[in-house]
Amino acid sequence: EYVASASVLAAIGALEAQSLAPATPLYDPNTNFDRIRHGPG
């Protein structure tokens, strides 16, 4: 069922982590950049 769901979502261009696992936090590139660029060191 999960593979079929992922296949359908991928086919329509809507495959995202939130579609398959709603509790998954979204990736924010700006937050990641700030964490790396202004992190320790």
PDB file of all heavy atoms in Angstrom:
ATOM      1  N   GLU A   1       0.821  -1.185   0.000  1.00  0.00           N
ATOM      2  CA  GLU A   1       0.000   0.000   0.000  1.00  0.00           C
ATOM      3  C   GLU A   1       0.875   1.262   0.000  1.00  0.00           C
ATOM      4  O   GLU A   1       0.573   2.215  -0.707  1.00  0.00           O
ATOM      5  CB  GLU A   1      -0.922  -0.020   1.227  1.00  0.00           C
ATOM      6  CG  GLU A   1      -1.862   1.161   1.279  1.00  0.00           C
ATOM      7  CD  GLU A   1      -2.786   1.100   2.488  1.00  0.00           C
ATOM      8  OE1 GLU A   1      -3.080  -0.006   2.978  1.00  0.00           O
ATOM      9  OE2 GLU A   1      -3.198   2.180   2.940  1.00  0.00           O
ATOM     10  N   TYR A   2       1.946   1.241   0.805  1.00  0.00           N
ATOM     11  CA  TYR A   2       2.829   2.412   0.853  1.00  0.00           C
ATOM     12  C   TYR A   2       3.542   2.630  -0.486  1.00  0.00           C
ATOM     13  O   TYR A   2       3.658   3.746  -0.955  1.00  0.00           O
ATOM     14  CB  TYR A   2       3.871   2.267   1.971  1.00  0.00           C
ATOM     15  CG  TYR A   2       3.295   2.426   3.349  1.00  0.00           C
ATOM     16  CD1 TYR A   2       3.225   1.349   4.222  1.00  0.00           C
ATOM     17  CD2 TYR A   2       2.811   3.653   3.784  1.00  0.00           C
ATOM     18  CE1 TYR A   2       2.689   1.487   5.482  1.00  0.00           C
ATOM     19  CE2 TYR A   2       2.274   3.806   5.047  1.00  0.00           C
ATOM     20  CZ  TYR A   2       2.217   2.719   5.900  1.00  0.00           C
ATOM     21  OH  TYR A   2       1.686   2.857   7.138  1.00  0.00           O
ATOM     22  N   VAL A   3       3.995   1.559  -1.080  1.00  0.00           N
ATOM     23  CA  VAL A   3       4.691   1.667  -2.366  1.00  0.00           C
ATOM     24  C   VAL A   3       3.731   2.160  -3.439  1.00  0.00           C
ATOM     25  O   VAL A   3       4.078   3.030  -4.255  1.00  0.00           O
ATOM     26  CB  VAL A   3       5.320   0.315  -2.762  1.00  0.00           C
ATOM     27  CG1 VAL A   3       5.897   0.379  -4.165  1.00  0.00           C
ATOM     28  CG2 VAL A   3       6.387  -0.091  -1.766  1.00  0.00           C
ATOM     29  N   ALA A   4       2.521   1.653  -3.434  1.00  0.00           N
ATOM     30  CA  ALA A   4       1.529   2.093  -4.415  1.00  0.00           C
ATOM     31  C   ALA A   4       1.195   3.570  -4.202  1.00  0.00           C
ATOM     32  O   ALA A   4       1.099   4.335  -5.171  1.00  0.00           O
ATOM     33  CB  ALA A   4       0.269   1.243  -4.320  1.00  0.00           C
ATOM     34  N   SER A   5       1.044   3.974  -2.944  1.00  0.00           N
ATOM     35  CA  SER A   5       0.767   5.390  -2.649  1.00  0.00           C
ATOM     36  C   SER A   5       1.908   6.274  -3.124  1.00  0.00           C
ATOM     37  O   SER A   5       1.690   7.317  -3.739  1.00  0.00           O
ATOM     38  CB  SER A   5       0.558   5.597  -1.147  1.00  0.00           C
ATOM     39  OG  SER A   5      -0.558   4.896  -0.696  1.00  0.00           O
ATOM     40  N   ALA A   6       3.132   5.845  -2.835  1.00  0.00           N
ATOM     41  CA  ALA A   6       4.288   6.630  -3.253  1.00  0.00           C
ATOM     42  C   ALA A   6       4.382   6.692  -4.770  1.00  0.00           C
ATOM     43  O   ALA A   6       4.719   7.733  -5.336  1.00  0.00           O
ATOM     44  CB  ALA A   6       5.567   6.033  -2.661  1.00  0.00           C
ATOM     45  N   SER A   7       4.075   5.623  -5.439  1.00  0.00           N
ATOM     46  CA  SER A   7       4.132   5.600  -6.898  1.00  0.00           C
ATOM     47  C   SER A   7       3.121   6.564  -7.507  1.00  0.00           C
ATOM     48  O   SER A   7       3.436   7.299  -8.451  1.00  0.00           O
ATOM     49  CB  SER A   7       3.876   4.190  -7.422  1.00  0.00           C
ATOM     50  OG  SER A   7       4.876   3.315  -6.984  1.00  0.00           O
ATOM     51  N   VAL A   8       1.915   6.570  -6.977  1.00  0.00           N
ATOM     52  CA  VAL A   8       0.878   7.474  -7.489  1.00  0.00           C
ATOM     53  C   VAL A   8       1.267   8.921  -7.218  1.00  0.00           C
ATOM     54  O   VAL A   8       1.164   9.780  -8.098  1.00  0.00           O
ATOM     55  CB  VAL A   8      -0.499   7.144  -6.871  1.00  0.00           C
ATOM     56  CG1 VAL A   8      -1.517   8.225  -7.204  1.00  0.00           C
ATOM     57  CG2 VAL A   8      -0.979   5.793  -7.349  1.00  0.00           C
ATOM     58  N   LEU A   9       1.724   9.208  -5.995  1.00  0.00           N
ATOM     59  CA  LEU A   9       2.116  10.581  -5.668  1.00  0.00           C
ATOM     60  C   LEU A   9       3.302  11.036  -6.517  1.00  0.00           C
ATOM     61  O   LEU A   9       3.346  12.188  -6.956  1.00  0.00           O
ATOM     62  CB  LEU A   9       2.449  10.686  -4.182  1.00  0.00           C
ATOM     63  CG  LEU A   9       1.251  10.567  -3.239  1.00  0.00           C
ATOM     64  CD1 LEU A   9       1.726  10.456  -1.795  1.00  0.00           C
ATOM     65  CD2 LEU A   9       0.314  11.750  -3.398  1.00  0.00           C
ATOM     66  N   ALA A  10       4.248  10.140  -6.764  1.00  0.00           N
ATOM     67  CA  ALA A  10       5.394  10.491  -7.607  1.00  0.00           C
ATOM     68  C   ALA A  10       4.945  10.750  -9.037  1.00  0.00           C
ATOM     69  O   ALA A  10       5.455  11.655  -9.699  1.00  0.00           O
ATOM     70  CB  ALA A  10       6.434   9.379  -7.567  1.00  0.00           C
ATOM     71  N   ALA A  11       3.997   9.981  -9.519  1.00  0.00           N
ATOM     72  CA  ALA A  11       3.518  10.135 -10.889  1.00  0.00           C
ATOM     73  C   ALA A  11       2.844  11.485 -11.105  1.00  0.00           C
ATOM     74  O   ALA A  11       2.943  12.065 -12.182  1.00  0.00           O
ATOM     75  CB  ALA A  11       2.566   9.005 -11.246  1.00  0.00           C
ATOM     76  N   ILE A  12       2.171  11.997 -10.079  1.00  0.00           N
ATOM     77  CA  ILE A  12       1.491  13.299 -10.223  1.00  0.00           C
ATOM     78  C   ILE A  12       2.350  14.452  -9.706  1.00  0.00           C
ATOM     79  O   ILE A  12       1.909  15.595  -9.688  1.00  0.00           O
ATOM     80  CB  ILE A  12       0.114  13.290  -9.521  1.00  0.00           C
ATOM     81  CG1 ILE A  12       0.245  13.080  -8.021  1.00  0.00           C
ATOM     82  CG2 ILE A  12      -0.796  12.269 -10.129  1.00  0.00           C
ATOM     83  CD1 ILE A  12      -1.056  13.269  -7.252  1.00  0.00           C
ATOM     84  N   GLY A  13       3.587  14.137  -9.266  1.00  0.00           N
ATOM     85  CA  GLY A  13       4.501  15.189  -8.819  1.00  0.00           C
ATOM     86  C   GLY A  13       4.204  15.720  -7.440  1.00  0.00           C
ATOM     87  O   GLY A  13       4.559  16.849  -7.123  1.00  0.00           O
ATOM     88  N   ALA A  14       3.541  14.942  -6.603  1.00  0.00           N
ATOM     89  CA  ALA A  14       3.184  15.406  -5.263  1.00  0.00           C
ATOM     90  C   ALA A  14       3.801  14.547  -4.170  1.00  0.00           C
ATOM     91  O   ALA A  14       3.319  14.543  -3.041  1.00  0.00           O
ATOM     92  CB  ALA A  14       1.668  15.419  -5.112  1.00  0.00           C
ATOM     93  N   LEU A  15       4.870  13.830  -4.472  1.00  0.00           N
ATOM     94  CA  LEU A  15       5.500  12.970  -3.482  1.00  0.00           C
ATOM     95  C   LEU A  15       6.333  13.816  -2.533  1.00  0.00           C
ATOM     96  O   LEU A  15       7.334  14.408  -2.911  1.00  0.00           O
ATOM     97  CB  LEU A  15       6.378  11.923  -4.151  1.00  0.00           C
ATOM     98  CG  LEU A  15       7.088  10.949  -3.205  1.00  0.00           C
ATOM     99  CD1 LEU A  15       6.061  10.166  -2.388  1.00  0.00           C
ATOM    100  CD2 LEU A  15       7.978  10.015  -3.979  1.00  0.00           C
ATOM    101  N   GLU A  16       5.895  13.908  -1.305  1.00  0.00           N
ATOM    102  CA  GLU A  16       6.591  14.642  -0.250  1.00  0.00           C
ATOM    103  C   GLU A  16       6.560  13.803   1.011  1.00  0.00           C
ATOM    104  O   GLU A  16       5.703  12.930   1.173  1.00  0.00           O
ATOM    105  CB  GLU A  16       5.917  15.984   0.009  1.00  0.00           C
ATOM    106  CG  GLU A  16       5.978  16.931  -1.171  1.00  0.00           C
ATOM    107  CD  GLU A  16       5.287  18.256  -0.887  1.00  0.00           C
ATOM    108  OE1 GLU A  16       4.652  18.380   0.184  1.00  0.00           O
ATOM    109  OE2 GLU A  16       5.385  19.149  -1.726  1.00  0.00           O
ATOM    110  N   ALA A  17       7.460  14.071   1.908  1.00  0.00           N
ATOM    111  CA  ALA A  17       7.527  13.308   3.159  1.00  0.00           C
ATOM    112  C   ALA A  17       6.223  13.459   3.945  1.00  0.00           C
ATOM    113  O   ALA A  17       5.760  12.509   4.576  1.00  0.00           O
ATOM    114  CB  ALA A  17       8.701  13.774   3.999  1.00  0.00           C
ATOM    115  N   GLN A  18       5.622  14.633   3.903  1.00  0.00           N
ATOM    116  CA  GLN A  18       4.381  14.866   4.647  1.00  0.00           C
ATOM    117  C   GLN A  18       3.238  13.999   4.141  1.00  0.00           C
ATOM    118  O   GLN A  18       2.325  13.671   4.884  1.00  0.00           O
ATOM    119  CB  GLN A  18       3.990  16.346   4.571  1.00  0.00           C
ATOM    120  CG  GLN A  18       4.949  17.267   5.278  1.00  0.00           C
ATOM    121  CD  GLN A  18       4.952  17.048   6.778  1.00  0.00           C
ATOM    122  OE1 GLN A  18       3.925  16.755   7.372  1.00  0.00           O
ATOM    123  NE2 GLN A  18       6.119  17.172   7.379  1.00  0.00           N
ATOM    124  N   SER A  19       3.276  13.607   2.884  1.00  0.00           N
ATOM    125  CA  SER A  19       2.228  12.762   2.324  1.00  0.00           C
ATOM    126  C   SER A  19       2.278  11.350   2.895  1.00  0.00           C
ATOM    127  O   SER A  19       1.253  10.714   3.084  1.00  0.00           O
ATOM    128  CB  SER A  19       2.357  12.673   0.803  1.00  0.00           C
ATOM    129  OG  SER A  19       2.314  13.947   0.234  1.00  0.00           O
ATOM    130  N   LEU A  20       3.502  10.861   3.133  1.00  0.00           N
ATOM    131  CA  LEU A  20       3.663   9.494   3.607  1.00  0.00           C
ATOM    132  C   LEU A  20       3.782   9.396   5.124  1.00  0.00           C
ATOM    133  O   LEU A  20       3.339   8.409   5.712  1.00  0.00           O
ATOM    134  CB  LEU A  20       4.903   8.864   2.958  1.00  0.00           C
ATOM    135  CG  LEU A  20       4.863   8.807   1.435  1.00  0.00           C
ATOM    136  CD1 LEU A  20       6.176   8.293   0.900  1.00  0.00           C
ATOM    137  CD2 LEU A  20       3.716   7.930   0.970  1.00  0.00           C
ATOM    138  N   ALA A  21       4.382  10.391   5.751  1.00  0.00           N
ATOM    139  CA  ALA A  21       4.562  10.396   7.204  1.00  0.00           C
ATOM    140  C   ALA A  21       4.278  11.805   7.714  1.00  0.00           C
ATOM    141  O   ALA A  21       5.174  12.645   7.772  1.00  0.00           O
ATOM    142  CB  ALA A  21       5.969   9.966   7.558  1.00  0.00           C
ATOM    143  N   PRO A  22       3.031  12.074   8.094  1.00  0.00           N
ATOM    144  CA  PRO A  22       2.642  13.442   8.476  1.00  0.00           C
ATOM    145  C   PRO A  22       3.434  14.029   9.640  1.00  0.00           C
ATOM    146  O   PRO A  22       3.563  15.235   9.759  1.00  0.00           O
ATOM    147  CB  PRO A  22       1.169  13.303   8.851  1.00  0.00           C
ATOM    148  CG  PRO A  22       0.709  12.065   8.182  1.00  0.00           C
ATOM    149  CD  PRO A  22       1.896  11.171   8.093  1.00  0.00           C
ATOM    150  N   ALA A  23       3.999  13.203  10.519  1.00  0.00           N
ATOM    151  CA  ALA A  23       4.732  13.717  11.670  1.00  0.00           C
ATOM    152  C   ALA A  23       6.165  14.121  11.333  1.00  0.00           C
ATOM    153  O   ALA A  23       6.879  14.651  12.173  1.00  0.00           O
ATOM    154  CB  ALA A  23       4.752  12.671  12.778  1.00  0.00           C
ATOM    155  N   THR A  24       6.592  13.907  10.102  1.00  0.00           N
ATOM    156  CA  THR A  24       7.954  14.236   9.688  1.00  0.00           C
ATOM    157  C   THR A  24       8.113  15.741   9.578  1.00  0.00           C
ATOM    158  O   THR A  24       7.325  16.406   8.903  1.00  0.00           O
ATOM    159  CB  THR A  24       8.265  13.599   8.322  1.00  0.00           C
ATOM    160  OG1 THR A  24       8.023  12.213   8.405  1.00  0.00           O
ATOM    161  CG2 THR A  24       9.694  13.854   7.912  1.00  0.00           C
ATOM    162  N   PRO A  25       9.158  16.311  10.240  1.00  0.00           N
ATOM    163  CA  PRO A  25       9.359  17.762  10.120  1.00  0.00           C
ATOM    164  C   PRO A  25       9.842  18.116   8.712  1.00  0.00           C
ATOM    165  O   PRO A  25      10.570  17.358   8.084  1.00  0.00           O
ATOM    166  CB  PRO A  25      10.448  18.064  11.158  1.00  0.00           C
ATOM    167  CG  PRO A  25      11.130  16.772  11.404  1.00  0.00           C
ATOM    168  CD  PRO A  25      10.126  15.689  11.139  1.00  0.00           C
ATOM    169  N   LEU A  26       9.421  19.268   8.223  1.00  0.00           N
ATOM    170  CA  LEU A  26       9.816  19.718   6.893  1.00  0.00           C
ATOM    171  C   LEU A  26      11.244  20.248   6.903  1.00  0.00           C
ATOM    172  O   LEU A  26      11.694  20.844   7.888  1.00  0.00           O
ATOM    173  CB  LEU A  26       8.884  20.814   6.399  1.00  0.00           C
ATOM    174  CG  LEU A  26       7.457  20.384   6.057  1.00  0.00           C
ATOM    175  CD1 LEU A  26       6.621  21.594   5.692  1.00  0.00           C
ATOM    176  CD2 LEU A  26       7.475  19.391   4.920  1.00  0.00           C
ATOM    177  N   TYR A  27      11.963  20.030   5.836  1.00  0.00           N
ATOM    178  CA  TYR A  27      13.321  20.549   5.674  1.00  0.00           C
ATOM    179  C   TYR A  27      13.249  21.993   5.230  1.00  0.00           C
ATOM    180  O   TYR A  27      12.573  22.327   4.254  1.00  0.00           O
ATOM    181  CB  TYR A  27      14.076  19.714   4.629  1.00  0.00           C
ATOM    182  CG  TYR A  27      15.423  20.279   4.273  1.00  0.00           C
ATOM    183  CD1 TYR A  27      16.496  20.138   5.136  1.00  0.00           C
ATOM    184  CD2 TYR A  27      15.620  20.940   3.073  1.00  0.00           C
ATOM    185  CE1 TYR A  27      17.734  20.648   4.815  1.00  0.00           C
ATOM    186  CE2 TYR A  27      16.857  21.448   2.738  1.00  0.00           C
ATOM    187  CZ  TYR A  27      17.905  21.303   3.616  1.00  0.00           C
ATOM    188  OH  TYR A  27      19.127  21.819   3.291  1.00  0.00           O
ATOM    189  N   ASP A  28      13.937  22.857   5.955  1.00  0.00           N
ATOM    190  CA  ASP A  28      13.996  24.268   5.601  1.00  0.00           C
ATOM    191  C   ASP A  28      15.441  24.614   5.250  1.00  0.00           C
ATOM    192  O   ASP A  28      16.320  24.597   6.115  1.00  0.00           O
ATOM    193  CB  ASP A  28      13.525  25.130   6.766  1.00  0.00           C
ATOM    194  CG  ASP A  28      13.541  26.611   6.438  1.00  0.00           C
ATOM    195  OD1 ASP A  28      13.599  26.969   5.244  1.00  0.00           O
ATOM    196  OD2 ASP A  28      13.490  27.423   7.386  1.00  0.00           O
ATOM    197  N   PRO A  29      15.733  24.891   3.972  1.00  0.00           N
ATOM    198  CA  PRO A  29      17.120  25.152   3.580  1.00  0.00           C
ATOM    199  C   PRO A  29      17.717  26.375   4.270  1.00  0.00           C
ATOM    200  O   PRO A  29      18.902  26.406   4.568  1.00  0.00           O
ATOM    201  CB  PRO A  29      17.055  25.333   2.066  1.00  0.00           C
ATOM    202  CG  PRO A  29      15.627  25.529   1.737  1.00  0.00           C
ATOM    203  CD  PRO A  29      14.817  24.943   2.847  1.00  0.00           C
ATOM    204  N   ASN A  30      16.921  27.400   4.551  1.00  0.00           N
ATOM    205  CA  ASN A  30      17.451  28.590   5.215  1.00  0.00           C
ATOM    206  C   ASN A  30      17.884  28.280   6.647  1.00  0.00           C
ATOM    207  O   ASN A  30      18.930  28.738   7.101  1.00  0.00           O
ATOM    208  CB  ASN A  30      16.416  29.713   5.213  1.00  0.00           C
ATOM    209  CG  ASN A  30      16.144  30.227   3.821  1.00  0.00           C
ATOM    210  OD1 ASN A  30      17.028  30.249   2.978  1.00  0.00           O
ATOM    211  ND2 ASN A  30      14.912  30.612   3.556  1.00  0.00           N
ATOM    212  N   THR A  31      17.085  27.497   7.342  1.00  0.00           N
ATOM    213  CA  THR A  31      17.446  27.110   8.702  1.00  0.00           C
ATOM    214  C   THR A  31      18.713  26.270   8.694  1.00  0.00           C
ATOM    215  O   THR A  31      19.613  26.464   9.521  1.00  0.00           O
ATOM    216  CB  THR A  31      16.296  26.320   9.357  1.00  0.00           C
ATOM    217  OG1 THR A  31      15.122  27.137   9.353  1.00  0.00           O
ATOM    218  CG2 THR A  31      16.637  25.916  10.769  1.00  0.00           C
ATOM    219  N   ASN A  32      18.809  25.352   7.751  1.00  0.00           N
ATOM    220  CA  ASN A  32      20.000  24.516   7.662  1.00  0.00           C
ATOM    221  C   ASN A  32      21.228  25.361   7.325  1.00  0.00           C
ATOM    222  O   ASN A  32      22.298  25.162   7.901  1.00  0.00           O
ATOM    223  CB  ASN A  32      19.801  23.430   6.614  1.00  0.00           C
ATOM    224  CG  ASN A  32      20.928  22.435   6.623  1.00  0.00           C
ATOM    225  OD1 ASN A  32      21.301  21.925   7.681  1.00  0.00           O
ATOM    226  ND2 ASN A  32      21.483  22.142   5.463  1.00  0.00           N
ATOM    227  N   PHE A  33      21.096  26.310   6.419  1.00  0.00           N
ATOM    228  CA  PHE A  33      22.212  27.183   6.067  1.00  0.00           C
ATOM    229  C   PHE A  33      22.682  27.963   7.290  1.00  0.00           C
ATOM    230  O   PHE A  33      23.882  28.048   7.560  1.00  0.00           O
ATOM    231  CB  PHE A  33      21.807  28.151   4.956  1.00  0.00           C
ATOM    232  CG  PHE A  33      22.872  29.160   4.646  1.00  0.00           C
ATOM    233  CD1 PHE A  33      23.956  28.817   3.848  1.00  0.00           C
ATOM    234  CD2 PHE A  33      22.807  30.442   5.158  1.00  0.00           C
ATOM    235  CE1 PHE A  33      24.944  29.740   3.560  1.00  0.00           C
ATOM    236  CE2 PHE A  33      23.789  31.370   4.879  1.00  0.00           C
ATOM    237  CZ  PHE A  33      24.864  31.024   4.079  1.00  0.00           C
ATOM    238  N   ASP A  34      21.734  28.548   8.027  1.00  0.00           N
ATOM    239  CA  ASP A  34      22.097  29.309   9.225  1.00  0.00           C
ATOM    240  C   ASP A  34      22.771  28.420  10.263  1.00  0.00           C
ATOM    241  O   ASP A  34      23.723  28.833  10.919  1.00  0.00           O
ATOM    242  CB  ASP A  34      20.867  29.978   9.828  1.00  0.00           C
ATOM    243  CG  ASP A  34      20.365  31.134   8.985  1.00  0.00           C
ATOM    244  OD1 ASP A  34      21.149  31.660   8.165  1.00  0.00           O
ATOM    245  OD2 ASP A  34      19.183  31.502   9.126  1.00  0.00           O
ATOM    246  N   ARG A  35      22.300  27.190  10.399  1.00  0.00           N
ATOM    247  CA  ARG A  35      22.884  26.268  11.376  1.00  0.00           C
ATOM    248  C   ARG A  35      24.322  25.936  11.004  1.00  0.00           C
ATOM    249  O   ARG A  35      25.216  25.937  11.854  1.00  0.00           O
ATOM    250  CB  ARG A  35      22.049  24.993  11.455  1.00  0.00           C
ATOM    251  CG  ARG A  35      22.555  23.997  12.487  1.00  0.00           C
ATOM    252  CD  ARG A  35      21.677  22.758  12.534  1.00  0.00           C
ATOM    253  NE  ARG A  35      21.608  22.048  11.269  1.00  0.00           N
ATOM    254  CZ  ARG A  35      22.516  21.174  10.848  1.00  0.00           C
ATOM    255  NH1 ARG A  35      23.561  20.908  11.587  1.00  0.00           N
ATOM    256  NH2 ARG A  35      22.379  20.580   9.682  1.00  0.00           N
ATOM    257  N   ILE A  36      24.567  25.703   9.722  1.00  0.00           N
ATOM    258  CA  ILE A  36      25.910  25.351   9.279  1.00  0.00           C
ATOM    259  C   ILE A  36      26.819  26.580   9.264  1.00  0.00           C
ATOM    260  O   ILE A  36      27.945  26.548   9.756  1.00  0.00           O
ATOM    261  CB  ILE A  36      25.868  24.716   7.867  1.00  0.00           C
ATOM    262  CG1 ILE A  36      25.049  23.430   7.875  1.00  0.00           C
ATOM    263  CG2 ILE A  36      27.259  24.486   7.319  1.00  0.00           C
ATOM    264  CD1 ILE A  36      25.603  22.350   8.764  1.00  0.00           C
ATOM    265  N   ARG A  37      26.339  27.664   8.705  1.00  0.00           N
ATOM    266  CA  ARG A  37      27.167  28.855   8.523  1.00  0.00           C
ATOM    267  C   ARG A  37      27.497  29.540   9.842  1.00  0.00           C
ATOM    268  O   ARG A  37      28.591  30.057  10.014  1.00  0.00           O
ATOM    269  CB  ARG A  37      26.452  29.825   7.585  1.00  0.00           C
ATOM    270  CG  ARG A  37      27.267  31.014   7.216  1.00  0.00           C
ATOM    271  CD  ARG A  37      28.456  30.569   6.412  1.00  0.00           C
ATOM    272  NE  ARG A  37      29.000  31.712   5.721  1.00  0.00           N
ATOM    273  CZ  ARG A  37      30.221  31.765   5.269  1.00  0.00           C
ATOM    274  NH1 ARG A  37      31.016  30.743   5.405  1.00  0.00           N
ATOM    275  NH2 ARG A  37      30.643  32.817   4.652  1.00  0.00           N
ATOM    276  N   HIS A  38      26.556  29.557  10.771  1.00  0.00           N
ATOM    277  CA  HIS A  38      26.750  30.283  12.020  1.00  0.00           C
ATOM    278  C   HIS A  38      26.835  29.347  13.219  1.00  0.00           C
ATOM    279  O   HIS A  38      26.632  29.757  14.345  1.00  0.00           O
ATOM    280  CB  HIS A  38      25.618  31.293  12.223  1.00  0.00           C
ATOM    281  CG  HIS A  38      25.504  32.262  11.089  1.00  0.00           C
ATOM    282  ND1 HIS A  38      26.485  33.182  10.788  1.00  0.00           N
ATOM    283  CD2 HIS A  38      24.546  32.440  10.155  1.00  0.00           C
ATOM    284  CE1 HIS A  38      26.121  33.882   9.733  1.00  0.00           C
ATOM    285  NE2 HIS A  38      24.944  33.451   9.324  1.00  0.00           N
ATOM    286  N   GLY A  39      27.134  28.098  12.960  1.00  0.00           N
ATOM    287  CA  GLY A  39      27.241  27.110  14.036  1.00  0.00           C
ATOM    288  C   GLY A  39      28.576  27.214  14.748  1.00  0.00           C
ATOM    289  O   GLY A  39      29.384  28.118  14.514  1.00  0.00           O
ATOM    290  N   PRO A  40      28.846  26.278  15.646  1.00  0.00           N
ATOM    291  CA  PRO A  40      30.117  26.285  16.373  1.00  0.00           C
ATOM    292  C   PRO A  40      31.300  26.225  15.413  1.00  0.00           C
ATOM    293  O   PRO A  40      31.291  25.489  14.441  1.00  0.00           O
ATOM    294  CB  PRO A  40      30.059  25.008  17.214  1.00  0.00           C
ATOM    295  CG  PRO A  40      28.628  24.596  17.232  1.00  0.00           C
ATOM    296  CD  PRO A  40      27.988  25.166  16.007  1.00  0.00           C
ATOM    297  N   GLY A  41      32.289  27.020  15.694  1.00  0.00           N
ATOM    298  CA  GLY A  41      33.479  27.038  14.854  1.00  0.00           C
ATOM    299  C   GLY A  41      33.472  28.140  13.810  1.00  0.00           C
ATOM    300  O   GLY A  41      34.488  28.455  13.221  1.00  0.00           O
TER     301      GLY A  41
END
